[in-house]
Amino acid sequence: HFRAERWFQALHEAGLEGDTISYNSVISAFARAGKVEKLEELQARMRAAGVVCDTVTHNIVINACAKVGKLDAAERALQEMHDQGIKSDVIT
């Protein structure tokens, strides 16, 4: 997960901004490592950069929060997803 963050930081320092797929990759790396506290930070960074959080983004966050027992955070992520007009899928 730290390698993913370093790669992402290098991208940013080169003056490039990630797209939804690159953000989702980094978010997924932190989710797999159980670092759910970083997920909200990365989502906020996505929004600030004008990058869209899609169904995949939200599914990663919801799943990661649920796995570590942060059900309130998982429910907030699901509500945020619906508030943004993003439809749930079979994974959600």
C-alpha atoms as a PDB file:
ATOM      1  CA  HIS A   1       0.000   0.000   0.000  1.00  0.00           C
ATOM      2  CA  PHE A   2       2.849   2.390   0.691  1.00  0.00           C
ATOM      3  CA  ARG A   3       4.315   1.704  -2.747  1.00  0.00           C
ATOM      4  CA  ALA A   4       0.964   2.659  -4.252  1.00  0.00           C
ATOM      5  CA  GLU A   5       0.957   5.886  -2.276  1.00  0.00           C
ATOM      6  CA  ARG A   6       4.528   6.710  -3.358  1.00  0.00           C
ATOM      7  CA  TRP A   7       3.632   6.049  -6.985  1.00  0.00           C
ATOM      8  CA  PHE A   8       0.580   8.237  -6.666  1.00  0.00           C
ATOM      9  CA  GLN A   9       2.563  11.013  -4.988  1.00  0.00           C
ATOM     10  CA  ALA A  10       5.192  10.865  -7.757  1.00  0.00           C
ATOM     11  CA  LEU A  11       2.414  11.222 -10.307  1.00  0.00           C
ATOM     12  CA  HIS A  12       1.115  14.291  -8.507  1.00  0.00           C
ATOM     13  CA  GLU A  13       4.598  15.816  -8.146  1.00  0.00           C
ATOM     14  CA  ALA A  14       5.106  15.392 -11.894  1.00  0.00           C
ATOM     15  CA  GLY A  15       2.132  17.690 -12.379  1.00  0.00           C
ATOM     16  CA  LEU A  16      -0.226  14.907 -13.363  1.00  0.00           C
ATOM     17  CA  GLU A  17      -3.527  14.251 -11.695  1.00  0.00           C
ATOM     18  CA  GLY A  18      -4.887  10.764 -11.441  1.00  0.00           C
ATOM     19  CA  ASP A  19      -8.143   9.649 -12.951  1.00  0.00           C
ATOM     20  CA  THR A  20     -10.861   7.552 -11.354  1.00  0.00           C
ATOM     21  CA  ILE A  21      -9.052   4.311 -12.176  1.00  0.00           C
ATOM     22  CA  SER A  22      -5.735   5.399 -10.646  1.00  0.00           C
ATOM     23  CA  TYR A  23      -7.448   6.697  -7.514  1.00  0.00           C
ATOM     24  CA  ASN A  24      -9.433   3.471  -7.228  1.00  0.00           C
ATOM     25  CA  SER A  25      -6.204   1.485  -7.484  1.00  0.00           C
ATOM     26  CA  VAL A  26      -4.632   3.375  -4.595  1.00  0.00           C
ATOM     27  CA  ILE A  27      -7.838   3.254  -2.554  1.00  0.00           C
ATOM     28  CA  SER A  28      -8.027  -0.494  -3.156  1.00  0.00           C
ATOM     29  CA  ALA A  29      -4.434  -0.974  -1.987  1.00  0.00           C
ATOM     30  CA  PHE A  30      -5.184   0.794   1.292  1.00  0.00           C
ATOM     31  CA  ALA A  31      -8.452  -1.105   1.661  1.00  0.00           C
ATOM     32  CA  ARG A  32      -6.674  -4.456   1.256  1.00  0.00           C
ATOM     33  CA  ALA A  33      -4.186  -3.357   3.917  1.00  0.00           C
ATOM     34  CA  GLY A  34      -7.043  -2.439   6.278  1.00  0.00           C
ATOM     35  CA  LYS A  35      -6.065   1.245   6.300  1.00  0.00           C
ATOM     36  CA  VAL A  36      -9.627   2.532   6.107  1.00  0.00           C
ATOM     37  CA  GLU A  37      -8.671   5.865   7.687  1.00  0.00           C
ATOM     38  CA  LYS A  38      -6.878   6.737   4.431  1.00  0.00           C
ATOM     39  CA  LEU A  39      -9.932   6.009   2.283  1.00  0.00           C
ATOM     40  CA  GLU A  40     -11.879   9.129   3.252  1.00  0.00           C
ATOM     41  CA  GLU A  41      -8.742  11.220   2.772  1.00  0.00           C
ATOM     42  CA  LEU A  42      -8.243   9.831  -0.724  1.00  0.00           C
ATOM     43  CA  GLN A  43     -11.898  10.317  -1.629  1.00  0.00           C
ATOM     44  CA  ALA A  44     -11.698  13.940  -0.477  1.00  0.00           C
ATOM     45  CA  ARG A  45      -8.569  14.364  -2.586  1.00  0.00           C
ATOM     46  CA  MET A  46     -10.428  12.886  -5.558  1.00  0.00           C
ATOM     47  CA  ARG A  47     -13.277  15.346  -5.169  1.00  0.00           C
ATOM     48  CA  ALA A  48     -10.897  18.293  -4.734  1.00  0.00           C
ATOM     49  CA  ALA A  49      -9.184  17.306  -7.981  1.00  0.00           C
ATOM     50  CA  GLY A  50     -12.530  17.074  -9.763  1.00  0.00           C
ATOM     51  CA  VAL A  51     -12.215  13.309 -10.194  1.00  0.00           C
ATOM     52  CA  VAL A  52     -15.465  11.367 -10.021  1.00  0.00           C
ATOM     53  CA  CYS A  53     -15.983   8.767  -7.303  1.00  0.00           C
ATOM     54  CA  ASP A  54     -17.771   5.988  -9.161  1.00  0.00           C
ATOM     55  CA  THR A  55     -19.569   2.814  -8.129  1.00  0.00           C
ATOM     56  CA  VAL A  56     -16.246   0.978  -7.873  1.00  0.00           C
ATOM     57  CA  THR A  57     -14.825   3.649  -5.544  1.00  0.00           C
ATOM     58  CA  HIS A  58     -17.788   3.403  -3.226  1.00  0.00           C
ATOM     59  CA  ASN A  59     -17.864  -0.401  -3.325  1.00  0.00           C
ATOM     60  CA  ILE A  60     -14.207  -0.531  -2.266  1.00  0.00           C
ATOM     61  CA  VAL A  61     -14.842   1.854   0.635  1.00  0.00           C
ATOM     62  CA  ILE A  62     -18.058   0.152   1.765  1.00  0.00           C
ATOM     63  CA  ASN A  63     -16.460  -3.289   1.669  1.00  0.00           C
ATOM     64  CA  ALA A  64     -13.305  -2.159   3.490  1.00  0.00           C
ATOM     65  CA  CYS A  65     -15.263  -0.410   6.242  1.00  0.00           C
ATOM     66  CA  ALA A  66     -17.538  -3.416   6.722  1.00  0.00           C
ATOM     67  CA  LYS A  67     -14.580  -5.822   6.924  1.00  0.00           C
ATOM     68  CA  VAL A  68     -13.014  -3.918   9.819  1.00  0.00           C
ATOM     69  CA  GLY A  69     -16.343  -3.468  11.620  1.00  0.00           C
ATOM     70  CA  LYS A  70     -16.827   0.223  10.851  1.00  0.00           C
ATOM     71  CA  LEU A  71     -20.458  -0.252   9.885  1.00  0.00           C
ATOM     72  CA  ASP A  72     -21.387   3.398  10.469  1.00  0.00           C
ATOM     73  CA  ALA A  73     -18.705   4.442   7.981  1.00  0.00           C
ATOM     74  CA  ALA A  74     -19.931   1.814   5.507  1.00  0.00           C
ATOM     75  CA  GLU A  75     -23.485   3.129   5.825  1.00  0.00           C
ATOM     76  CA  ARG A  76     -22.275   6.727   5.372  1.00  0.00           C
ATOM     77  CA  ALA A  77     -20.422   5.702   2.218  1.00  0.00           C
ATOM     78  CA  LEU A  78     -23.544   3.990   0.881  1.00  0.00           C
ATOM     79  CA  GLN A  79     -25.666   7.055   1.675  1.00  0.00           C
ATOM     80  CA  GLU A  80     -23.094   9.332   0.023  1.00  0.00           C
ATOM     81  CA  MET A  81     -23.166   7.112  -3.032  1.00  0.00           C
ATOM     82  CA  HIS A  82     -26.943   7.429  -3.287  1.00  0.00           C
ATOM     83  CA  ASP A  83     -26.839  11.174  -2.533  1.00  0.00           C
ATOM     84  CA  GLN A  84     -24.496  11.608  -5.506  1.00  0.00           C
ATOM     85  CA  GLY A  85     -26.936   9.759  -7.739  1.00  0.00           C
ATOM     86  CA  ILE A  86     -24.630   6.789  -8.161  1.00  0.00           C
ATOM     87  CA  LYS A  87     -26.566   3.578  -8.519  1.00  0.00           C
ATOM     88  CA  SER A  88     -25.774   0.513  -6.478  1.00  0.00           C
ATOM     89  CA  ASP A  89     -24.762  -2.627  -8.310  1.00  0.00           C
ATOM     90  CA  VAL A  90     -24.716  -6.319  -7.373  1.00  0.00           C
ATOM     91  CA  ILE A  91     -21.514  -5.782  -5.377  1.00  0.00           C
ATOM     92  CA  THR A  92     -22.908  -2.913  -3.346  1.00  0.00           C
END
